[in-house]
Amino acid sequence: MSEQRDMSGALFKAREKRSSKSPDYTGRLVVNGVEYTLSGWVRTPKDGGEKYIGLSVRERSEQRERTDSRSVPAADDDIPF
């Protein structure tokens, strides 16, 4: 995706849904120079009203930290082998 302008964003239809809870749409948003990840799910109200897209917003640095915490720890170079 090209460089995102401040105070703007975009959502794109997800290429694949890994589970039923995966978002239908994903994208980016930039507000005051801070980049966010957007996730959107198509929702249908229980009362049968008009469908809408529910959104979740997460700061991109948060997402990187979550990914990093699940990664394999770095090798300890102080081990004398």
PDB file of N, CA and C in Angstrom:
ATOM      1  N   MET A   1       0.852  -1.172   0.000  1.00  0.00           N
ATOM      2  CA  MET A   1       0.000   0.000   0.000  1.00  0.00           C
ATOM      3  C   MET A   1       0.895   1.231   0.000  1.00  0.00           C
ATOM      4  N   SER A   2       0.486   2.265  -0.667  1.00  0.00           N
ATOM      5  CA  SER A   2       1.274   3.489  -0.734  1.00  0.00           C
ATOM      6  C   SER A   2       1.253   4.217   0.609  1.00  0.00           C
ATOM      7  N   GLU A   3       2.099   5.240   0.717  1.00  0.00           N
ATOM      8  CA  GLU A   3       2.188   6.032   1.947  1.00  0.00           C
ATOM      9  C   GLU A   3       0.821   6.616   2.298  1.00  0.00           C
ATOM     10  N   GLN A   4       0.387   6.407   3.520  1.00  0.00           N
ATOM     11  CA  GLN A   4      -0.919   6.871   3.976  1.00  0.00           C
ATOM     12  C   GLN A   4      -0.818   8.309   4.453  1.00  0.00           C
ATOM     13  N   ARG A   5      -1.742   9.147   4.031  1.00  0.00           N
ATOM     14  CA  ARG A   5      -1.778  10.538   4.483  1.00  0.00           C
ATOM     15  C   ARG A   5      -2.328  10.608   5.897  1.00  0.00           C
ATOM     16  N   ASP A   6      -1.898  11.643   6.629  1.00  0.00           N
ATOM     17  CA  ASP A   6      -2.370  11.839   7.993  1.00  0.00           C
ATOM     18  C   ASP A   6      -3.873  12.096   7.993  1.00  0.00           C
ATOM     19  N   MET A   7      -4.535  11.617   9.020  1.00  0.00           N
ATOM     20  CA  MET A   7      -5.979  11.772   9.217  1.00  0.00           C
ATOM     21  C   MET A   7      -6.776  11.063   8.125  1.00  0.00           C
ATOM     22  N   SER A   8      -6.249   9.921   7.655  1.00  0.00           N
ATOM     23  CA  SER A   8      -6.973   9.136   6.657  1.00  0.00           C
ATOM     24  C   SER A   8      -6.637   7.663   6.842  1.00  0.00           C
ATOM     25  N   GLY A   9      -7.421   6.825   6.205  1.00  0.00           N
ATOM     26  CA  GLY A   9      -7.205   5.394   6.292  1.00  0.00           C
ATOM     27  C   GLY A   9      -7.946   4.676   5.194  1.00  0.00           C
ATOM     28  N   ALA A  10      -7.804   3.361   5.162  1.00  0.00           N
ATOM     29  CA  ALA A  10      -8.465   2.553   4.145  1.00  0.00           C
ATOM     30  C   ALA A  10      -8.700   1.152   4.689  1.00  0.00           C
ATOM     31  N   LEU A  11      -9.813   0.552   4.283  1.00  0.00           N
ATOM     32  CA  LEU A  11     -10.137  -0.835   4.609  1.00  0.00           C
ATOM     33  C   LEU A  11     -10.216  -1.621   3.308  1.00  0.00           C
ATOM     34  N   PHE A  12      -9.749  -2.861   3.349  1.00  0.00           N
ATOM     35  CA  PHE A  12      -9.789  -3.738   2.187  1.00  0.00           C
ATOM     36  C   PHE A  12     -10.403  -5.066   2.596  1.00  0.00           C
ATOM     37  N   LYS A  13     -11.125  -5.694   1.676  1.00  0.00           N
ATOM     38  CA  LYS A  13     -11.711  -6.996   1.949  1.00  0.00           C
ATOM     39  C   LYS A  13     -10.581  -7.976   2.250  1.00  0.00           C
ATOM     40  N   ALA A  14     -10.736  -8.753   3.315  1.00  0.00           N
ATOM     41  CA  ALA A  14      -9.705  -9.709   3.721  1.00  0.00           C
ATOM     42  C   ALA A  14      -9.527 -10.768   2.638  1.00  0.00           C
ATOM     43  N   ARG A  15      -8.289 -11.121   2.363  1.00  0.00           N
ATOM     44  CA  ARG A  15      -7.998 -12.123   1.333  1.00  0.00           C
ATOM     45  C   ARG A  15      -8.470 -13.503   1.756  1.00  0.00           C
ATOM     46  N   GLU A  16      -8.311 -13.801   3.038  1.00  0.00           N
ATOM     47  CA  GLU A  16      -8.773 -15.086   3.558  1.00  0.00           C
ATOM     48  C   GLU A  16      -9.173 -14.928   5.019  1.00  0.00           C
ATOM     49  N   LYS A  17     -10.148 -15.719   5.422  1.00  0.00           N
ATOM     50  CA  LYS A  17     -10.571 -15.743   6.824  1.00  0.00           C
ATOM     51  C   LYS A  17     -10.063 -17.049   7.412  1.00  0.00           C
ATOM     52  N   ARG A  18      -9.163 -16.940   8.394  1.00  0.00           N
ATOM     53  CA  ARG A  18      -8.574 -18.135   8.998  1.00  0.00           C
ATOM     54  C   ARG A  18      -9.534 -18.829   9.952  1.00  0.00           C
ATOM     55  N   SER A  19     -10.482 -18.059  10.489  1.00  0.00           N
ATOM     56  CA  SER A  19     -11.504 -18.633  11.362  1.00  0.00           C
ATOM     57  C   SER A  19     -12.762 -17.781  11.242  1.00  0.00           C
ATOM     58  N   SER A  20     -13.832 -18.209  11.877  1.00  0.00           N
ATOM     59  CA  SER A  20     -15.081 -17.442  11.820  1.00  0.00           C
ATOM     60  C   SER A  20     -14.944 -16.106  12.548  1.00  0.00           C
ATOM     61  N   LYS A  21     -13.945 -15.984  13.423  1.00  0.00           N
ATOM     62  CA  LYS A  21     -13.729 -14.740  14.161  1.00  0.00           C
ATOM     63  C   LYS A  21     -12.788 -13.776  13.442  1.00  0.00           C
ATOM     64  N   SER A  22     -12.166 -14.212  12.361  1.00  0.00           N
ATOM     65  CA  SER A  22     -11.259 -13.342  11.603  1.00  0.00           C
ATOM     66  C   SER A  22     -12.039 -12.187  10.994  1.00  0.00           C
ATOM     67  N   PRO A  23     -11.408 -11.016  10.856  1.00  0.00           N
ATOM     68  CA  PRO A  23     -12.114  -9.860  10.293  1.00  0.00           C
ATOM     69  C   PRO A  23     -12.443 -10.049   8.815  1.00  0.00           C
ATOM     70  N   ASP A  24     -13.538  -9.425   8.392  1.00  0.00           N
ATOM     71  CA  ASP A  24     -13.929  -9.431   6.984  1.00  0.00           C
ATOM     72  C   ASP A  24     -13.133  -8.396   6.201  1.00  0.00           C
ATOM     73  N   TYR A  25     -12.683  -7.346   6.893  1.00  0.00           N
ATOM     74  CA  TYR A  25     -11.920  -6.257   6.280  1.00  0.00           C
ATOM     75  C   TYR A  25     -10.738  -5.910   7.179  1.00  0.00           C
ATOM     76  N   THR A  26      -9.621  -5.521   6.572  1.00  0.00           N
ATOM     77  CA  THR A  26      -8.464  -5.049   7.324  1.00  0.00           C
ATOM     78  C   THR A  26      -7.882  -3.831   6.622  1.00  0.00           C
ATOM     79  N   GLY A  27      -7.131  -3.033   7.364  1.00  0.00           N
ATOM     80  CA  GLY A  27      -6.525  -1.856   6.756  1.00  0.00           C
ATOM     81  C   GLY A  27      -5.699  -1.072   7.746  1.00  0.00           C
ATOM     82  N   ARG A  28      -5.390   0.169   7.329  1.00  0.00           N
ATOM     83  CA  ARG A  28      -4.567   1.060   8.146  1.00  0.00           C
ATOM     84  C   ARG A  28      -5.247   2.407   8.280  1.00  0.00           C
ATOM     85  N   LEU A  29      -4.866   3.108   9.340  1.00  0.00           N
ATOM     86  CA  LEU A  29      -5.364   4.440   9.638  1.00  0.00           C
ATOM     87  C   LEU A  29      -4.205   5.221  10.240  1.00  0.00           C
ATOM     88  N   VAL A  30      -4.031   6.485   9.827  1.00  0.00           N
ATOM     89  CA  VAL A  30      -2.990   7.343  10.398  1.00  0.00           C
ATOM     90  C   VAL A  30      -3.666   8.563  11.005  1.00  0.00           C
ATOM     91  N   VAL A  31      -3.432   8.783  12.309  1.00  0.00           N
ATOM     92  CA  VAL A  31      -3.994   9.929  13.019  1.00  0.00           C
ATOM     93  C   VAL A  31      -2.855  10.624  13.754  1.00  0.00           C
ATOM     94  N   ASN A  32      -2.646  11.889  13.439  1.00  0.00           N
ATOM     95  CA  ASN A  32      -1.572  12.680  14.054  1.00  0.00           C
ATOM     96  C   ASN A  32      -0.224  11.972  13.981  1.00  0.00           C
ATOM     97  N   GLY A  33       0.044  11.348  12.844  1.00  0.00           N
ATOM     98  CA  GLY A  33       1.318  10.679  12.619  1.00  0.00           C
ATOM     99  C   GLY A  33       1.448   9.304  13.236  1.00  0.00           C
ATOM    100  N   VAL A  34       0.436   8.834  13.955  1.00  0.00           N
ATOM    101  CA  VAL A  34       0.467   7.516  14.584  1.00  0.00           C
ATOM    102  C   VAL A  34      -0.304   6.545  13.700  1.00  0.00           C
ATOM    103  N   GLU A  35       0.321   5.413  13.377  1.00  0.00           N
ATOM    104  CA  GLU A  35      -0.294   4.432  12.493  1.00  0.00           C
ATOM    105  C   GLU A  35      -1.067   3.391  13.306  1.00  0.00           C
ATOM    106  N   TYR A  36      -2.271   3.080  12.848  1.00  0.00           N
ATOM    107  CA  TYR A  36      -3.142   2.112  13.500  1.00  0.00           C
ATOM    108  C   TYR A  36      -3.526   1.020  12.509  1.00  0.00           C
ATOM    109  N   THR A  37      -3.822  -0.161  13.036  1.00  0.00           N
ATOM    110  CA  THR A  37      -4.356  -1.255  12.246  1.00  0.00           C
ATOM    111  C   THR A  37      -5.863  -1.280  12.466  1.00  0.00           C
ATOM    112  N   LEU A  38      -6.613  -1.380  11.377  1.00  0.00           N
ATOM    113  CA  LEU A  38      -8.067  -1.465  11.440  1.00  0.00           C
ATOM    114  C   LEU A  38      -8.506  -2.886  11.115  1.00  0.00           C
ATOM    115  N   SER A  39      -9.506  -3.371  11.808  1.00  0.00           N
ATOM    116  CA  SER A  39     -10.146  -4.640  11.494  1.00  0.00           C
ATOM    117  C   SER A  39     -11.640  -4.390  11.487  1.00  0.00           C
ATOM    118  N   GLY A  40     -12.342  -4.981  10.529  1.00  0.00           N
ATOM    119  CA  GLY A  40     -13.780  -4.764  10.423  1.00  0.00           C
ATOM    120  C   GLY A  40     -14.533  -6.063  10.201  1.00  0.00           C
ATOM    121  N   TRP A  41     -15.683  -6.174  10.844  1.00  0.00           N
ATOM    122  CA  TRP A  41     -16.539  -7.341  10.722  1.00  0.00           C
ATOM    123  C   TRP A  41     -17.918  -6.900  10.266  1.00  0.00           C
ATOM    124  N   VAL A  42     -18.472  -7.588   9.259  1.00  0.00           N
ATOM    125  CA  VAL A  42     -19.834  -7.298   8.812  1.00  0.00           C
ATOM    126  C   VAL A  42     -20.770  -7.850   9.878  1.00  0.00           C
ATOM    127  N   ARG A  43     -21.632  -6.999  10.383  1.00  0.00           N
ATOM    128  CA  ARG A  43     -22.559  -7.364  11.461  1.00  0.00           C
ATOM    129  C   ARG A  43     -24.003  -7.199  10.993  1.00  0.00           C
ATOM    130  N   THR A  44     -24.863  -8.056  11.507  1.00  0.00           N
ATOM    131  CA  THR A  44     -26.295  -7.942  11.270  1.00  0.00           C
ATOM    132  C   THR A  44     -26.969  -7.830  12.631  1.00  0.00           C
ATOM    133  N   PRO A  45     -27.688  -6.752  12.882  1.00  0.00           N
ATOM    134  CA  PRO A  45     -28.351  -6.594  14.180  1.00  0.00           C
ATOM    135  C   PRO A  45     -29.354  -7.719  14.444  1.00  0.00           C
ATOM    136  N   LYS A  46     -29.511  -8.076  15.710  1.00  0.00           N
ATOM    137  CA  LYS A  46     -30.458  -9.129  16.086  1.00  0.00           C
ATOM    138  C   LYS A  46     -31.891  -8.768  15.749  1.00  0.00           C
ATOM    139  N   ASP A  47     -32.190  -7.450  15.713  1.00  0.00           N
ATOM    140  CA  ASP A  47     -33.555  -7.029  15.392  1.00  0.00           C
ATOM    141  C   ASP A  47     -33.816  -7.019  13.884  1.00  0.00           C
ATOM    142  N   GLY A  48     -32.827  -7.496  13.095  1.00  0.00           N
ATOM    143  CA  GLY A  48     -33.015  -7.573  11.653  1.00  0.00           C
ATOM    144  C   GLY A  48     -32.785  -6.267  10.926  1.00  0.00           C
ATOM    145  N   GLY A  49     -32.212  -5.285  11.596  1.00  0.00           N
ATOM    146  CA  GLY A  49     -31.946  -3.991  10.974  1.00  0.00           C
ATOM    147  C   GLY A  49     -30.879  -4.081   9.894  1.00  0.00           C
ATOM    148  N   GLU A  50     -30.454  -2.934   9.444  1.00  0.00           N
ATOM    149  CA  GLU A  50     -29.488  -2.840   8.355  1.00  0.00           C
ATOM    150  C   GLU A  50     -28.102  -3.314   8.792  1.00  0.00           C
ATOM    151  N   LYS A  51     -27.418  -4.059   7.907  1.00  0.00           N
ATOM    152  CA  LYS A  51     -26.060  -4.522   8.191  1.00  0.00           C
ATOM    153  C   LYS A  51     -25.121  -3.329   8.322  1.00  0.00           C
ATOM    154  N   TYR A  52     -24.062  -3.533   9.094  1.00  0.00           N
ATOM    155  CA  TYR A  52     -23.053  -2.491   9.283  1.00  0.00           C
ATOM    156  C   TYR A  52     -21.696  -3.157   9.480  1.00  0.00           C
ATOM    157  N   ILE A  53     -20.634  -2.365   9.508  1.00  0.00           N
ATOM    158  CA  ILE A  53     -19.295  -2.886   9.758  1.00  0.00           C
ATOM    159  C   ILE A  53     -18.849  -2.413  11.138  1.00  0.00           C
ATOM    160  N   GLY A  54     -18.617  -3.357  12.041  1.00  0.00           N
ATOM    161  CA  GLY A  54     -18.065  -3.057  13.358  1.00  0.00           C
ATOM    162  C   GLY A  54     -16.546  -3.004  13.241  1.00  0.00           C
ATOM    163  N   LEU A  55     -15.924  -2.041  13.897  1.00  0.00           N
ATOM    164  CA  LEU A  55     -14.483  -1.834  13.768  1.00  0.00           C
ATOM    165  C   LEU A  55     -13.731  -2.065  15.068  1.00  0.00           C
ATOM    166  N   SER A  56     -12.485  -2.476  14.914  1.00  0.00           N
ATOM    167  CA  SER A  56     -11.529  -2.556  16.005  1.00  0.00           C
ATOM    168  C   SER A  56     -10.292  -1.796  15.548  1.00  0.00           C
ATOM    169  N   VAL A  57      -9.717  -0.985  16.448  1.00  0.00           N
ATOM    170  CA  VAL A  57      -8.536  -0.186  16.122  1.00  0.00           C
ATOM    171  C   VAL A  57      -7.439  -0.541  17.118  1.00  0.00           C
ATOM    172  N   ARG A  58      -6.236  -0.785  16.605  1.00  0.00           N
ATOM    173  CA  ARG A  58      -5.100  -1.111  17.468  1.00  0.00           C
ATOM    174  C   ARG A  58      -3.879  -0.363  16.953  1.00  0.00           C
ATOM    175  N   GLU A  59      -3.151   0.270  17.860  1.00  0.00           N
ATOM    176  CA  GLU A  59      -1.922   0.957  17.474  1.00  0.00           C
ATOM    177  C   GLU A  59      -0.937  -0.086  16.945  1.00  0.00           C
ATOM    178  N   ARG A  60      -0.305   0.209  15.814  1.00  0.00           N
ATOM    179  CA  ARG A  60       0.569  -0.784  15.168  1.00  0.00           C
ATOM    180  C   ARG A  60       1.715  -1.223  16.064  1.00  0.00           C
ATOM    181  N   SER A  61       2.259  -0.360  16.895  1.00  0.00           N
ATOM    182  CA  SER A  61       3.343  -0.773  17.790  1.00  0.00           C
ATOM    183  C   SER A  61       2.850  -1.821  18.778  1.00  0.00           C
ATOM    184  N   GLU A  62       1.589  -1.726  19.220  1.00  0.00           N
ATOM    185  CA  GLU A  62       1.005  -2.739  20.109  1.00  0.00           C
ATOM    186  C   GLU A  62       0.980  -4.087  19.419  1.00  0.00           C
ATOM    187  N   GLN A  63       0.583  -4.093  18.160  1.00  0.00           N
ATOM    188  CA  GLN A  63       0.490  -5.337  17.415  1.00  0.00           C
ATOM    189  C   GLN A  63       1.875  -5.969  17.279  1.00  0.00           C
ATOM    190  N   ARG A  64       2.894  -5.178  17.004  1.00  0.00           N
ATOM    191  CA  ARG A  64       4.255  -5.700  16.891  1.00  0.00           C
ATOM    192  C   ARG A  64       4.716  -6.296  18.215  1.00  0.00           C
ATOM    193  N   GLU A  65       4.408  -5.620  19.337  1.00  0.00           N
ATOM    194  CA  GLU A  65       4.806  -6.130  20.647  1.00  0.00           C
ATOM    195  C   GLU A  65       4.143  -7.465  20.929  1.00  0.00           C
ATOM    196  N   ARG A  66       2.870  -7.610  20.582  1.00  0.00           N
ATOM    197  CA  ARG A  66       2.168  -8.874  20.800  1.00  0.00           C
ATOM    198  C   ARG A  66       2.808  -9.974  19.964  1.00  0.00           C
ATOM    199  N   THR A  67       3.140  -9.676  18.714  1.00  0.00           N
ATOM    200  CA  THR A  67       3.777 -10.651  17.839  1.00  0.00           C
ATOM    201  C   THR A  67       5.148 -11.020  18.377  1.00  0.00           C
ATOM    202  N   ASP A  68       5.928 -10.032  18.813  1.00  0.00           N
ATOM    203  CA  ASP A  68       7.263 -10.280  19.337  1.00  0.00           C
ATOM    204  C   ASP A  68       7.223 -11.142  20.592  1.00  0.00           C
ATOM    205  N   SER A  69       6.229 -10.966  21.442  1.00  0.00           N
ATOM    206  CA  SER A  69       6.154 -11.722  22.687  1.00  0.00           C
ATOM    207  C   SER A  69       5.866 -13.197  22.438  1.00  0.00           C
ATOM    208  N   ARG A  70       5.322 -13.533  21.273  1.00  0.00           N
ATOM    209  CA  ARG A  70       5.035 -14.927  20.955  1.00  0.00           C
ATOM    210  C   ARG A  70       6.150 -15.568  20.142  1.00  0.00           C
ATOM    211  N   SER A  71       7.137 -14.803  19.721  1.00  0.00           N
ATOM    212  CA  SER A  71       8.205 -15.334  18.881  1.00  0.00           C
ATOM    213  C   SER A  71       9.207 -16.123  19.720  1.00  0.00           C
ATOM    214  N   VAL A  72      10.071 -16.851  19.041  1.00  0.00           N
ATOM    215  CA  VAL A  72      11.092 -17.653  19.703  1.00  0.00           C
ATOM    216  C   VAL A  72      12.132 -16.723  20.315  1.00  0.00           C
ATOM    217  N   PRO A  73      12.527 -16.972  21.568  1.00  0.00           N
ATOM    218  CA  PRO A  73      13.522 -16.099  22.197  1.00  0.00           C
ATOM    219  C   PRO A  73      14.855 -16.162  21.458  1.00  0.00           C
ATOM    220  N   ALA A  74      15.589 -15.061  21.503  1.00  0.00           N
ATOM    221  CA  ALA A  74      16.897 -14.986  20.848  1.00  0.00           C
ATOM    222  C   ALA A  74      17.876 -15.910  21.555  1.00  0.00           C
ATOM    223  N   ALA A  75      18.826 -16.442  20.791  1.00  0.00           N
ATOM    224  CA  ALA A  75      19.839 -17.331  21.366  1.00  0.00           C
ATOM    225  C   ALA A  75      20.732 -16.541  22.316  1.00  0.00           C
ATOM    226  N   ASP A  76      21.153 -17.197  23.392  1.00  0.00           N
ATOM    227  CA  ASP A  76      22.034 -16.560  24.369  1.00  0.00           C
ATOM    228  C   ASP A  76      23.474 -16.738  23.897  1.00  0.00           C
ATOM    229  N   ASP A  77      24.112 -15.660  23.446  1.00  0.00           N
ATOM    230  CA  ASP A  77      25.466 -15.717  22.898  1.00  0.00           C
ATOM    231  C   ASP A  77      26.535 -15.891  23.972  1.00  0.00           C
ATOM    232  N   ASP A  78      26.176 -15.854  25.249  1.00  0.00           N
ATOM    233  CA  ASP A  78      27.146 -15.987  26.332  1.00  0.00           C
ATOM    234  C   ASP A  78      27.432 -17.446  26.685  1.00  0.00           C
ATOM    235  N   ILE A  79      26.756 -18.387  26.051  1.00  0.00           N
ATOM    236  CA  ILE A  79      26.982 -19.802  26.343  1.00  0.00           C
ATOM    237  C   ILE A  79      28.286 -20.229  25.669  1.00  0.00           C
ATOM    238  N   PRO A  80      29.269 -20.750  26.439  1.00  0.00           N
ATOM    239  CA  PRO A  80      30.588 -21.081  25.872  1.00  0.00           C
ATOM    240  C   PRO A  80      30.626 -22.460  25.226  1.00  0.00           C
ATOM    241  N   PHE A  81      30.161 -22.629  24.014  1.00  0.00           N
ATOM    242  CA  PHE A  81      30.258 -23.910  23.294  1.00  0.00           C
ATOM    243  C   PHE A  81      31.281 -23.752  22.210  1.00  0.00           C
TER     244      PHE A  81
END
